[in-house]
Amino acid sequence: KLTVAEAELDPHRGAGELERAVRAFDPRPGAWLLVEGRRMKVKAASLADDGPELGVIAGRDGAPVLGTVDGGLRLEKVQPAGKRVQTGAEWLNGRRGEPAHAGR
């Protein structure tokens, strides 16, 4: 049986592994990561050509990209704690393009 703790996306893992985890944990228990101390579910993701530094979520071509050990993970659809599901671009616009820090 899958647990919520197993569905945490750790930036210290590879981008390909994280992208597969997002698909594997959908819909339950749902892949998630900590963004500045708050849980954010990741509903859809894809691989990015390059990424920011490890553990940083920054805008690339209008979408948020999580920096991992071997590249970037583009966050296509996310659900911040207590909010509705939104596209990564909408989430990034809500932050006014400011980068965020992910992980523990």
PDB file of N, CA and C in Angstrom:
ATOM      1  N   LYS A   1       0.839  -1.179   0.000  1.00  0.00           N
ATOM      2  CA  LYS A   1       0.000   0.000   0.000  1.00  0.00           C
ATOM      3  C   LYS A   1       0.887   1.246   0.000  1.00  0.00           C
ATOM      4  N   LEU A   2       0.559   2.176  -0.864  1.00  0.00           N
ATOM      5  CA  LEU A   2       1.335   3.409  -0.973  1.00  0.00           C
ATOM      6  C   LEU A   2       0.992   4.375   0.153  1.00  0.00           C
ATOM      7  N   THR A   3       2.010   5.072   0.638  1.00  0.00           N
ATOM      8  CA  THR A   3       1.791   6.053   1.691  1.00  0.00           C
ATOM      9  C   THR A   3       2.040   7.461   1.145  1.00  0.00           C
ATOM     10  N   VAL A   4       1.541   8.458   1.862  1.00  0.00           N
ATOM     11  CA  VAL A   4       1.732   9.845   1.470  1.00  0.00           C
ATOM     12  C   VAL A   4       3.220  10.207   1.517  1.00  0.00           C
ATOM     13  N   ALA A   5       3.950   9.686   2.488  1.00  0.00           N
ATOM     14  CA  ALA A   5       5.378   9.995   2.616  1.00  0.00           C
ATOM     15  C   ALA A   5       6.166   9.514   1.390  1.00  0.00           C
ATOM     16  N   GLU A   6       5.772   8.398   0.798  1.00  0.00           N
ATOM     17  CA  GLU A   6       6.461   7.877  -0.381  1.00  0.00           C
ATOM     18  C   GLU A   6       6.247   8.761  -1.609  1.00  0.00           C
ATOM     19  N   ALA A   7       5.173   9.547  -1.613  1.00  0.00           N
ATOM     20  CA  ALA A   7       4.824  10.373  -2.765  1.00  0.00           C
ATOM     21  C   ALA A   7       5.511  11.734  -2.757  1.00  0.00           C
ATOM     22  N   GLU A   8       6.378  12.002  -1.765  1.00  0.00           N
ATOM     23  CA  GLU A   8       7.077  13.285  -1.725  1.00  0.00           C
ATOM     24  C   GLU A   8       8.123  13.350  -2.827  1.00  0.00           C
ATOM     25  N   LEU A   9       8.145  14.456  -3.538  1.00  0.00           N
ATOM     26  CA  LEU A   9       9.121  14.677  -4.602  1.00  0.00           C
ATOM     27  C   LEU A   9      10.339  15.366  -4.006  1.00  0.00           C
ATOM     28  N   ASP A  10      11.460  14.670  -4.016  1.00  0.00           N
ATOM     29  CA  ASP A  10      12.697  15.198  -3.449  1.00  0.00           C
ATOM     30  C   ASP A  10      13.590  15.700  -4.586  1.00  0.00           C
ATOM     31  N   PRO A  11      13.950  16.997  -4.588  1.00  0.00           N
ATOM     32  CA  PRO A  11      14.798  17.517  -5.663  1.00  0.00           C
ATOM     33  C   PRO A  11      16.165  16.842  -5.764  1.00  0.00           C
ATOM     34  N   HIS A  12      16.565  16.097  -4.747  1.00  0.00           N
ATOM     35  CA  HIS A  12      17.855  15.410  -4.779  1.00  0.00           C
ATOM     36  C   HIS A  12      17.795  14.113  -5.595  1.00  0.00           C
ATOM     37  N   ARG A  13      16.643  13.836  -6.210  1.00  0.00           N
ATOM     38  CA  ARG A  13      16.509  12.706  -7.121  1.00  0.00           C
ATOM     39  C   ARG A  13      16.508  13.253  -8.543  1.00  0.00           C
ATOM     40  N   GLY A  14      16.649  12.389  -9.502  1.00  0.00           N
ATOM     41  CA  GLY A  14      16.706  12.803 -10.901  1.00  0.00           C
ATOM     42  C   GLY A  14      15.364  13.272 -11.437  1.00  0.00           C
ATOM     43  N   ALA A  15      15.405  14.144 -12.442  1.00  0.00           N
ATOM     44  CA  ALA A  15      14.187  14.701 -13.030  1.00  0.00           C
ATOM     45  C   ALA A  15      13.315  13.609 -13.656  1.00  0.00           C
ATOM     46  N   GLY A  16      13.920  12.652 -14.333  1.00  0.00           N
ATOM     47  CA  GLY A  16      13.158  11.562 -14.946  1.00  0.00           C
ATOM     48  C   GLY A  16      12.433  10.724 -13.906  1.00  0.00           C
ATOM     49  N   GLU A  17      13.099  10.459 -12.803  1.00  0.00           N
ATOM     50  CA  GLU A  17      12.493   9.681 -11.716  1.00  0.00           C
ATOM     51  C   GLU A  17      11.310  10.446 -11.112  1.00  0.00           C
ATOM     52  N   LEU A  18      11.470  11.749 -10.934  1.00  0.00           N
ATOM     53  CA  LEU A  18      10.391  12.559 -10.374  1.00  0.00           C
ATOM     54  C   LEU A  18       9.206  12.644 -11.329  1.00  0.00           C
ATOM     55  N   GLU A  19       9.482  12.754 -12.623  1.00  0.00           N
ATOM     56  CA  GLU A  19       8.405  12.823 -13.613  1.00  0.00           C
ATOM     57  C   GLU A  19       7.585  11.533 -13.615  1.00  0.00           C
ATOM     58  N   ARG A  20       8.259  10.401 -13.498  1.00  0.00           N
ATOM     59  CA  ARG A  20       7.550   9.117 -13.427  1.00  0.00           C
ATOM     60  C   ARG A  20       6.773   8.988 -12.125  1.00  0.00           C
ATOM     61  N   ALA A  21       7.312   9.528 -11.029  1.00  0.00           N
ATOM     62  CA  ALA A  21       6.621   9.472  -9.741  1.00  0.00           C
ATOM     63  C   ALA A  21       5.318  10.264  -9.778  1.00  0.00           C
ATOM     64  N   VAL A  22       5.309  11.394 -10.464  1.00  0.00           N
ATOM     65  CA  VAL A  22       4.080  12.195 -10.575  1.00  0.00           C
ATOM     66  C   VAL A  22       2.990  11.363 -11.231  1.00  0.00           C
ATOM     67  N   ARG A  23       3.330  10.661 -12.301  1.00  0.00           N
ATOM     68  CA  ARG A  23       2.333   9.808 -12.970  1.00  0.00           C
ATOM     69  C   ARG A  23       1.946   8.613 -12.119  1.00  0.00           C
ATOM     70  N   ALA A  24       2.905   8.018 -11.429  1.00  0.00           N
ATOM     71  CA  ALA A  24       2.639   6.809 -10.643  1.00  0.00           C
ATOM     72  C   ALA A  24       1.741   7.080  -9.447  1.00  0.00           C
ATOM     73  N   PHE A  25       1.883   8.225  -8.819  1.00  0.00           N
ATOM     74  CA  PHE A  25       1.111   8.523  -7.618  1.00  0.00           C
ATOM     75  C   PHE A  25      -0.195   9.243  -7.915  1.00  0.00           C
ATOM     76  N   ASP A  26      -0.572   9.366  -9.178  1.00  0.00           N
ATOM     77  CA  ASP A  26      -1.834  10.002  -9.541  1.00  0.00           C
ATOM     78  C   ASP A  26      -2.916   8.957  -9.677  1.00  0.00           C
ATOM     79  N   PRO A  27      -4.101   9.069  -9.140  1.00  0.00           N
ATOM     80  CA  PRO A  27      -4.588  10.201  -8.364  1.00  0.00           C
ATOM     81  C   PRO A  27      -4.321  10.083  -6.861  1.00  0.00           C
ATOM     82  N   ARG A  28      -4.100   8.891  -6.364  1.00  0.00           N
ATOM     83  CA  ARG A  28      -3.873   8.742  -4.923  1.00  0.00           C
ATOM     84  C   ARG A  28      -2.536   8.090  -4.693  1.00  0.00           C
ATOM     85  N   PRO A  29      -1.751   8.454  -3.757  1.00  0.00           N
ATOM     86  CA  PRO A  29      -1.970   9.526  -2.782  1.00  0.00           C
ATOM     87  C   PRO A  29      -1.663  10.912  -3.327  1.00  0.00           C
ATOM     88  N   GLY A  30      -1.121  11.020  -4.526  1.00  0.00           N
ATOM     89  CA  GLY A  30      -0.816  12.321  -5.116  1.00  0.00           C
ATOM     90  C   GLY A  30       0.603  12.766  -4.807  1.00  0.00           C
ATOM     91  N   ALA A  31       1.386  13.040  -5.827  1.00  0.00           N
ATOM     92  CA  ALA A  31       2.765  13.512  -5.637  1.00  0.00           C
ATOM     93  C   ALA A  31       2.732  14.936  -5.087  1.00  0.00           C
ATOM     94  N   TRP A  32       3.689  15.236  -4.215  1.00  0.00           N
ATOM     95  CA  TRP A  32       3.735  16.555  -3.596  1.00  0.00           C
ATOM     96  C   TRP A  32       5.158  16.944  -3.252  1.00  0.00           C
ATOM     97  N   LEU A  33       5.350  18.232  -3.013  1.00  0.00           N
ATOM     98  CA  LEU A  33       6.646  18.708  -2.545  1.00  0.00           C
ATOM     99  C   LEU A  33       6.412  19.894  -1.615  1.00  0.00           C
ATOM    100  N   LEU A  34       7.384  20.130  -0.763  1.00  0.00           N
ATOM    101  CA  LEU A  34       7.314  21.274   0.145  1.00  0.00           C
ATOM    102  C   LEU A  34       7.876  22.493  -0.571  1.00  0.00           C
ATOM    103  N   VAL A  35       7.081  23.554  -0.601  1.00  0.00           N
ATOM    104  CA  VAL A  35       7.515  24.817  -1.190  1.00  0.00           C
ATOM    105  C   VAL A  35       7.447  25.857  -0.087  1.00  0.00           C
ATOM    106  N   GLU A  36       8.620  26.260   0.379  1.00  0.00           N
ATOM    107  CA  GLU A  36       8.736  27.229   1.462  1.00  0.00           C
ATOM    108  C   GLU A  36       7.890  26.839   2.668  1.00  0.00           C
ATOM    109  N   GLY A  37       7.972  25.551   3.017  1.00  0.00           N
ATOM    110  CA  GLY A  37       7.320  25.034   4.215  1.00  0.00           C
ATOM    111  C   GLY A  37       5.871  24.626   4.050  1.00  0.00           C
ATOM    112  N   ARG A  38       5.278  24.834   2.867  1.00  0.00           N
ATOM    113  CA  ARG A  38       3.890  24.454   2.634  1.00  0.00           C
ATOM    114  C   ARG A  38       3.831  23.373   1.562  1.00  0.00           C
ATOM    115  N   ARG A  39       2.894  22.449   1.732  1.00  0.00           N
ATOM    116  CA  ARG A  39       2.763  21.342   0.798  1.00  0.00           C
ATOM    117  C   ARG A  39       2.051  21.790  -0.482  1.00  0.00           C
ATOM    118  N   MET A  40       2.607  21.381  -1.624  1.00  0.00           N
ATOM    119  CA  MET A  40       1.984  21.659  -2.908  1.00  0.00           C
ATOM    120  C   MET A  40       1.938  20.357  -3.699  1.00  0.00           C
ATOM    121  N   LYS A  41       0.730  19.971  -4.123  1.00  0.00           N
ATOM    122  CA  LYS A  41       0.584  18.777  -4.941  1.00  0.00           C
ATOM    123  C   LYS A  41       0.991  19.092  -6.371  1.00  0.00           C
ATOM    124  N   VAL A  42       1.598  18.108  -7.015  1.00  0.00           N
ATOM    125  CA  VAL A  42       1.976  18.230  -8.419  1.00  0.00           C
ATOM    126  C   VAL A  42       1.115  17.241  -9.190  1.00  0.00           C
ATOM    127  N   LYS A  43       0.226  17.770 -10.022  1.00  0.00           N
ATOM    128  CA  LYS A  43      -0.726  16.941 -10.760  1.00  0.00           C
ATOM    129  C   LYS A  43      -0.184  16.481 -12.110  1.00  0.00           C
ATOM    130  N   ALA A  44       0.672  17.291 -12.734  1.00  0.00           N
ATOM    131  CA  ALA A  44       1.261  16.934 -14.029  1.00  0.00           C
ATOM    132  C   ALA A  44       2.625  17.603 -14.139  1.00  0.00           C
ATOM    133  N   ALA A  45       3.570  16.884 -14.737  1.00  0.00           N
ATOM    134  CA  ALA A  45       4.927  17.406 -14.894  1.00  0.00           C
ATOM    135  C   ALA A  45       5.551  16.812 -16.139  1.00  0.00           C
ATOM    136  N   SER A  46       6.576  17.495 -16.640  1.00  0.00           N
ATOM    137  CA  SER A  46       7.330  16.993 -17.787  1.00  0.00           C
ATOM    138  C   SER A  46       8.792  17.377 -17.603  1.00  0.00           C
ATOM    139  N   LEU A  47       9.643  16.773 -18.396  1.00  0.00           N
ATOM    140  CA  LEU A  47      11.069  17.066 -18.309  1.00  0.00           C
ATOM    141  C   LEU A  47      11.386  18.383 -19.005  1.00  0.00           C
ATOM    142  N   ALA A  48      12.273  19.154 -18.422  1.00  0.00           N
ATOM    143  CA  ALA A  48      12.727  20.416 -19.014  1.00  0.00           C
ATOM    144  C   ALA A  48      14.154  20.247 -19.508  1.00  0.00           C
ATOM    145  N   ASP A  49      14.519  21.025 -20.507  1.00  0.00           N
ATOM    146  CA  ASP A  49      15.870  20.946 -21.064  1.00  0.00           C
ATOM    147  C   ASP A  49      16.930  21.288 -20.030  1.00  0.00           C
ATOM    148  N   ASP A  50      16.678  22.340 -19.284  1.00  0.00           N
ATOM    149  CA  ASP A  50      17.619  22.718 -18.234  1.00  0.00           C
ATOM    150  C   ASP A  50      16.807  23.214 -17.045  1.00  0.00           C
ATOM    151  N   GLY A  51      17.465  23.308 -15.920  1.00  0.00           N
ATOM    152  CA  GLY A  51      16.764  23.750 -14.730  1.00  0.00           C
ATOM    153  C   GLY A  51      17.598  24.708 -13.916  1.00  0.00           C
ATOM    154  N   PRO A  52      16.951  25.375 -12.973  1.00  0.00           N
ATOM    155  CA  PRO A  52      17.697  26.254 -12.072  1.00  0.00           C
ATOM    156  C   PRO A  52      18.536  25.426 -11.110  1.00  0.00           C
ATOM    157  N   GLU A  53      19.148  26.079 -10.147  1.00  0.00           N
ATOM    158  CA  GLU A  53      19.962  25.339  -9.179  1.00  0.00           C
ATOM    159  C   GLU A  53      19.086  24.388  -8.362  1.00  0.00           C
ATOM    160  N   LEU A  54      19.719  23.429  -7.739  1.00  0.00           N
ATOM    161  CA  LEU A  54      19.043  22.367  -7.001  1.00  0.00           C
ATOM    162  C   LEU A  54      18.084  22.927  -5.956  1.00  0.00           C
ATOM    163  N   GLY A  55      16.825  22.468  -6.022  1.00  0.00           N
ATOM    164  CA  GLY A  55      15.829  22.847  -5.033  1.00  0.00           C
ATOM    165  C   GLY A  55      15.151  24.181  -5.252  1.00  0.00           C
ATOM    166  N   VAL A  56      15.432  24.837  -6.364  1.00  0.00           N
ATOM    167  CA  VAL A  56      14.816  26.132  -6.661  1.00  0.00           C
ATOM    168  C   VAL A  56      13.775  25.939  -7.762  1.00  0.00           C
ATOM    169  N   ILE A  57      12.631  26.599  -7.607  1.00  0.00           N
ATOM    170  CA  ILE A  57      11.606  26.607  -8.642  1.00  0.00           C
ATOM    171  C   ILE A  57      11.638  28.001  -9.261  1.00  0.00           C
ATOM    172  N   ALA A  58      11.984  28.071 -10.520  1.00  0.00           N
ATOM    173  CA  ALA A  58      12.105  29.354 -11.216  1.00  0.00           C
ATOM    174  C   ALA A  58      11.384  29.270 -12.555  1.00  0.00           C
ATOM    175  N   GLY A  59      10.987  30.414 -13.077  1.00  0.00           N
ATOM    176  CA  GLY A  59      10.286  30.466 -14.351  1.00  0.00           C
ATOM    177  C   GLY A  59      11.226  30.240 -15.519  1.00  0.00           C
ATOM    178  N   ARG A  60      10.821  29.378 -16.428  1.00  0.00           N
ATOM    179  CA  ARG A  60      11.534  29.131 -17.676  1.00  0.00           C
ATOM    180  C   ARG A  60      10.469  29.050 -18.773  1.00  0.00           C
ATOM    181  N   ASP A  61      10.517  29.959 -19.740  1.00  0.00           N
ATOM    182  CA  ASP A  61       9.544  29.988 -20.843  1.00  0.00           C
ATOM    183  C   ASP A  61       8.099  30.050 -20.331  1.00  0.00           C
ATOM    184  N   GLY A  62       7.880  30.814 -19.271  1.00  0.00           N
ATOM    185  CA  GLY A  62       6.532  31.020 -18.749  1.00  0.00           C
ATOM    186  C   GLY A  62       5.989  29.916 -17.858  1.00  0.00           C
ATOM    187  N   ALA A  63       6.796  28.934 -17.526  1.00  0.00           N
ATOM    188  CA  ALA A  63       6.347  27.839 -16.661  1.00  0.00           C
ATOM    189  C   ALA A  63       7.366  27.620 -15.546  1.00  0.00           C
ATOM    190  N   PRO A  64       6.907  27.175 -14.377  1.00  0.00           N
ATOM    191  CA  PRO A  64       7.851  26.912 -13.289  1.00  0.00           C
ATOM    192  C   PRO A  64       8.624  25.621 -13.535  1.00  0.00           C
ATOM    193  N   VAL A  65       9.925  25.674 -13.260  1.00  0.00           N
ATOM    194  CA  VAL A  65      10.793  24.507 -13.427  1.00  0.00           C
ATOM    195  C   VAL A  65      11.529  24.277 -12.108  1.00  0.00           C
ATOM    196  N   LEU A  66      11.462  23.046 -11.621  1.00  0.00           N
ATOM    197  CA  LEU A  66      12.151  22.647 -10.395  1.00  0.00           C
ATOM    198  C   LEU A  66      13.542  22.149 -10.750  1.00  0.00           C
ATOM    199  N   GLY A  67      14.552  22.683 -10.097  1.00  0.00           N
ATOM    200  CA  GLY A  67      15.926  22.234 -10.314  1.00  0.00           C
ATOM    201  C   GLY A  67      16.187  20.937  -9.567  1.00  0.00           C
ATOM    202  N   THR A  68      16.666  19.920 -10.275  1.00  0.00           N
ATOM    203  CA  THR A  68      16.983  18.623  -9.677  1.00  0.00           C
ATOM    204  C   THR A  68      18.474  18.347  -9.880  1.00  0.00           C
ATOM    205  N   VAL A  69      18.923  17.196  -9.416  1.00  0.00           N
ATOM    206  CA  VAL A  69      20.354  16.883  -9.522  1.00  0.00           C
ATOM    207  C   VAL A  69      20.824  16.721 -10.964  1.00  0.00           C
ATOM    208  N   ASP A  70      19.917  16.368 -11.875  1.00  0.00           N
ATOM    209  CA  ASP A  70      20.361  16.128 -13.254  1.00  0.00           C
ATOM    210  C   ASP A  70      19.546  16.886 -14.304  1.00  0.00           C
ATOM    211  N   GLY A  71      18.944  17.997 -13.937  1.00  0.00           N
ATOM    212  CA  GLY A  71      18.181  18.768 -14.922  1.00  0.00           C
ATOM    213  C   GLY A  71      17.011  19.469 -14.283  1.00  0.00           C
ATOM    214  N   GLY A  72      15.948  19.625 -15.073  1.00  0.00           N
ATOM    215  CA  GLY A  72      14.785  20.346 -14.584  1.00  0.00           C
ATOM    216  C   GLY A  72      13.503  19.561 -14.770  1.00  0.00           C
ATOM    217  N   LEU A  73      12.544  19.832 -13.898  1.00  0.00           N
ATOM    218  CA  LEU A  73      11.217  19.230 -13.969  1.00  0.00           C
ATOM    219  C   LEU A  73      10.217  20.366 -14.119  1.00  0.00           C
ATOM    220  N   ARG A  74       9.554  20.430 -15.277  1.00  0.00           N
ATOM    221  CA  ARG A  74       8.559  21.472 -15.539  1.00  0.00           C
ATOM    222  C   ARG A  74       7.258  21.086 -14.833  1.00  0.00           C
ATOM    223  N   LEU A  75       6.752  21.977 -13.990  1.00  0.00           N
ATOM    224  CA  LEU A  75       5.523  21.735 -13.240  1.00  0.00           C
ATOM    225  C   LEU A  75       4.345  22.239 -14.072  1.00  0.00           C
ATOM    226  N   GLU A  76       3.632  21.317 -14.719  1.00  0.00           N
ATOM    227  CA  GLU A  76       2.551  21.675 -15.642  1.00  0.00           C
ATOM    228  C   GLU A  76       1.264  22.046 -14.908  1.00  0.00           C
ATOM    229  N   LYS A  77       0.851  21.227 -13.925  1.00  0.00           N
ATOM    230  CA  LYS A  77      -0.348  21.488 -13.125  1.00  0.00           C
ATOM    231  C   LYS A  77      -0.012  21.267 -11.660  1.00  0.00           C
ATOM    232  N   VAL A  78      -0.403  22.213 -10.829  1.00  0.00           N
ATOM    233  CA  VAL A  78      -0.112  22.137  -9.394  1.00  0.00           C
ATOM    234  C   VAL A  78      -1.357  22.499  -8.589  1.00  0.00           C
ATOM    235  N   GLN A  79      -1.326  22.122  -7.300  1.00  0.00           N
ATOM    236  CA  GLN A  79      -2.387  22.498  -6.375  1.00  0.00           C
ATOM    237  C   GLN A  79      -1.751  22.901  -5.050  1.00  0.00           C
ATOM    238  N   PRO A  80      -1.560  24.214  -4.842  1.00  0.00           N
ATOM    239  CA  PRO A  80      -1.018  24.666  -3.561  1.00  0.00           C
ATOM    240  C   PRO A  80      -1.976  24.334  -2.426  1.00  0.00           C
ATOM    241  N   ALA A  81      -1.456  24.234  -1.215  1.00  0.00           N
ATOM    242  CA  ALA A  81      -2.273  23.897  -0.045  1.00  0.00           C
ATOM    243  C   ALA A  81      -3.438  24.870   0.081  1.00  0.00           C
ATOM    244  N   GLY A  82      -4.656  24.319   0.159  1.00  0.00           N
ATOM    245  CA  GLY A  82      -5.851  25.122   0.344  1.00  0.00           C
ATOM    246  C   GLY A  82      -6.344  25.841  -0.889  1.00  0.00           C
ATOM    247  N   LYS A  83      -5.783  25.553  -2.055  1.00  0.00           N
ATOM    248  CA  LYS A  83      -6.165  26.235  -3.294  1.00  0.00           C
ATOM    249  C   LYS A  83      -6.677  25.224  -4.320  1.00  0.00           C
ATOM    250  N   ARG A  84      -7.163  25.752  -5.422  1.00  0.00           N
ATOM    251  CA  ARG A  84      -7.649  24.901  -6.507  1.00  0.00           C
ATOM    252  C   ARG A  84      -6.483  24.427  -7.374  1.00  0.00           C
ATOM    253  N   VAL A  85      -6.754  23.443  -8.221  1.00  0.00           N
ATOM    254  CA  VAL A  85      -5.755  22.996  -9.191  1.00  0.00           C
ATOM    255  C   VAL A  85      -5.579  24.107 -10.223  1.00  0.00           C
ATOM    256  N   GLN A  86      -4.338  24.418 -10.553  1.00  0.00           N
ATOM    257  CA  GLN A  86      -4.047  25.475 -11.519  1.00  0.00           C
ATOM    258  C   GLN A  86      -2.837  25.081 -12.356  1.00  0.00           C
ATOM    259  N   THR A  87      -2.690  25.757 -13.467  1.00  0.00           N
ATOM    260  CA  THR A  87      -1.520  25.482 -14.297  1.00  0.00           C
ATOM    261  C   THR A  87      -0.287  26.039 -13.594  1.00  0.00           C
ATOM    262  N   GLY A  88       0.837  25.525 -13.967  1.00  0.00           N
ATOM    263  CA  GLY A  88       2.081  26.028 -13.395  1.00  0.00           C
ATOM    264  C   GLY A  88       2.280  27.504 -13.704  1.00  0.00           C
ATOM    265  N   ALA A  89       1.872  27.922 -14.907  1.00  0.00           N
ATOM    266  CA  ALA A  89       2.007  29.326 -15.299  1.00  0.00           C
ATOM    267  C   ALA A  89       1.149  30.217 -14.403  1.00  0.00           C
ATOM    268  N   GLU A  90      -0.059  29.783 -14.064  1.00  0.00           N
ATOM    269  CA  GLU A  90      -0.923  30.565 -13.167  1.00  0.00           C
ATOM    270  C   GLU A  90      -0.288  30.696 -11.791  1.00  0.00           C
ATOM    271  N   TRP A  91       0.277  29.601 -11.297  1.00  0.00           N
ATOM    272  CA  TRP A  91       0.934  29.628  -9.987  1.00  0.00           C
ATOM    273  C   TRP A  91       2.121  30.587 -10.009  1.00  0.00           C
ATOM    274  N   LEU A  92       2.896  30.539 -11.072  1.00  0.00           N
ATOM    275  CA  LEU A  92       4.057  31.412 -11.207  1.00  0.00           C
ATOM    276  C   LEU A  92       3.621  32.881 -11.295  1.00  0.00           C
ATOM    277  N   ASN A  93       2.538  33.152 -12.022  1.00  0.00           N
ATOM    278  CA  ASN A  93       2.025  34.518 -12.112  1.00  0.00           C
ATOM    279  C   ASN A  93       1.566  35.024 -10.745  1.00  0.00           C
ATOM    280  N   GLY A  94       0.980  34.146  -9.942  1.00  0.00           N
ATOM    281  CA  GLY A  94       0.555  34.523  -8.597  1.00  0.00           C
ATOM    282  C   GLY A  94       1.728  34.907  -7.710  1.00  0.00           C
ATOM    283  N   ARG A  95       2.878  34.367  -7.979  1.00  0.00           N
ATOM    284  CA  ARG A  95       4.105  34.712  -7.240  1.00  0.00           C
ATOM    285  C   ARG A  95       4.823  35.888  -7.890  1.00  0.00           C
ATOM    286  N   ARG A  96       4.252  36.434  -8.928  1.00  0.00           N
ATOM    287  CA  ARG A  96       4.846  37.541  -9.702  1.00  0.00           C
ATOM    288  C   ARG A  96       6.224  37.175 -10.255  1.00  0.00           C
ATOM    289  N   GLY A  97       6.370  35.887 -10.611  1.00  0.00           N
ATOM    290  CA  GLY A  97       7.611  35.425 -11.207  1.00  0.00           C
ATOM    291  C   GLY A  97       8.760  35.194 -10.255  1.00  0.00           C
ATOM    292  N   GLU A  98       8.528  35.412  -8.954  1.00  0.00           N
ATOM    293  CA  GLU A  98       9.604  35.217  -7.958  1.00  0.00           C
ATOM    294  C   GLU A  98       9.945  33.739  -7.825  1.00  0.00           C
ATOM    295  N   PRO A  99      11.225  33.371  -7.747  1.00  0.00           N
ATOM    296  CA  PRO A  99      11.593  31.972  -7.530  1.00  0.00           C
ATOM    297  C   PRO A  99      11.184  31.507  -6.136  1.00  0.00           C
ATOM    298  N   ALA A 100      10.998  30.205  -5.996  1.00  0.00           N
ATOM    299  CA  ALA A 100      10.633  29.610  -4.709  1.00  0.00           C
ATOM    300  C   ALA A 100      11.641  28.519  -4.378  1.00  0.00           C
ATOM    301  N   HIS A 101      11.734  28.174  -3.101  1.00  0.00           N
ATOM    302  CA  HIS A 101      12.638  27.112  -2.667  1.00  0.00           C
ATOM    303  C   HIS A 101      11.826  25.893  -2.276  1.00  0.00           C
ATOM    304  N   ALA A 102      12.199  24.745  -2.826  1.00  0.00           N
ATOM    305  CA  ALA A 102      11.484  23.507  -2.580  1.00  0.00           C
ATOM    306  C   ALA A 102      12.344  22.537  -1.789  1.00  0.00           C
ATOM    307  N   GLY A 103      11.690  21.633  -1.098  1.00  0.00           N
ATOM    308  CA  GLY A 103      12.393  20.608  -0.333  1.00  0.00           C
ATOM    309  C   GLY A 103      12.476  20.984   1.141  1.00  0.00           C
ATOM    310  N   ARG A 104      13.086  20.098   1.880  1.00  0.00           N
ATOM    311  CA  ARG A 104      13.195  20.301   3.343  1.00  0.00           C
ATOM    312  C   ARG A 104      14.389  21.132   3.696  1.00  0.00           C
TER     313      ARG A 104
END
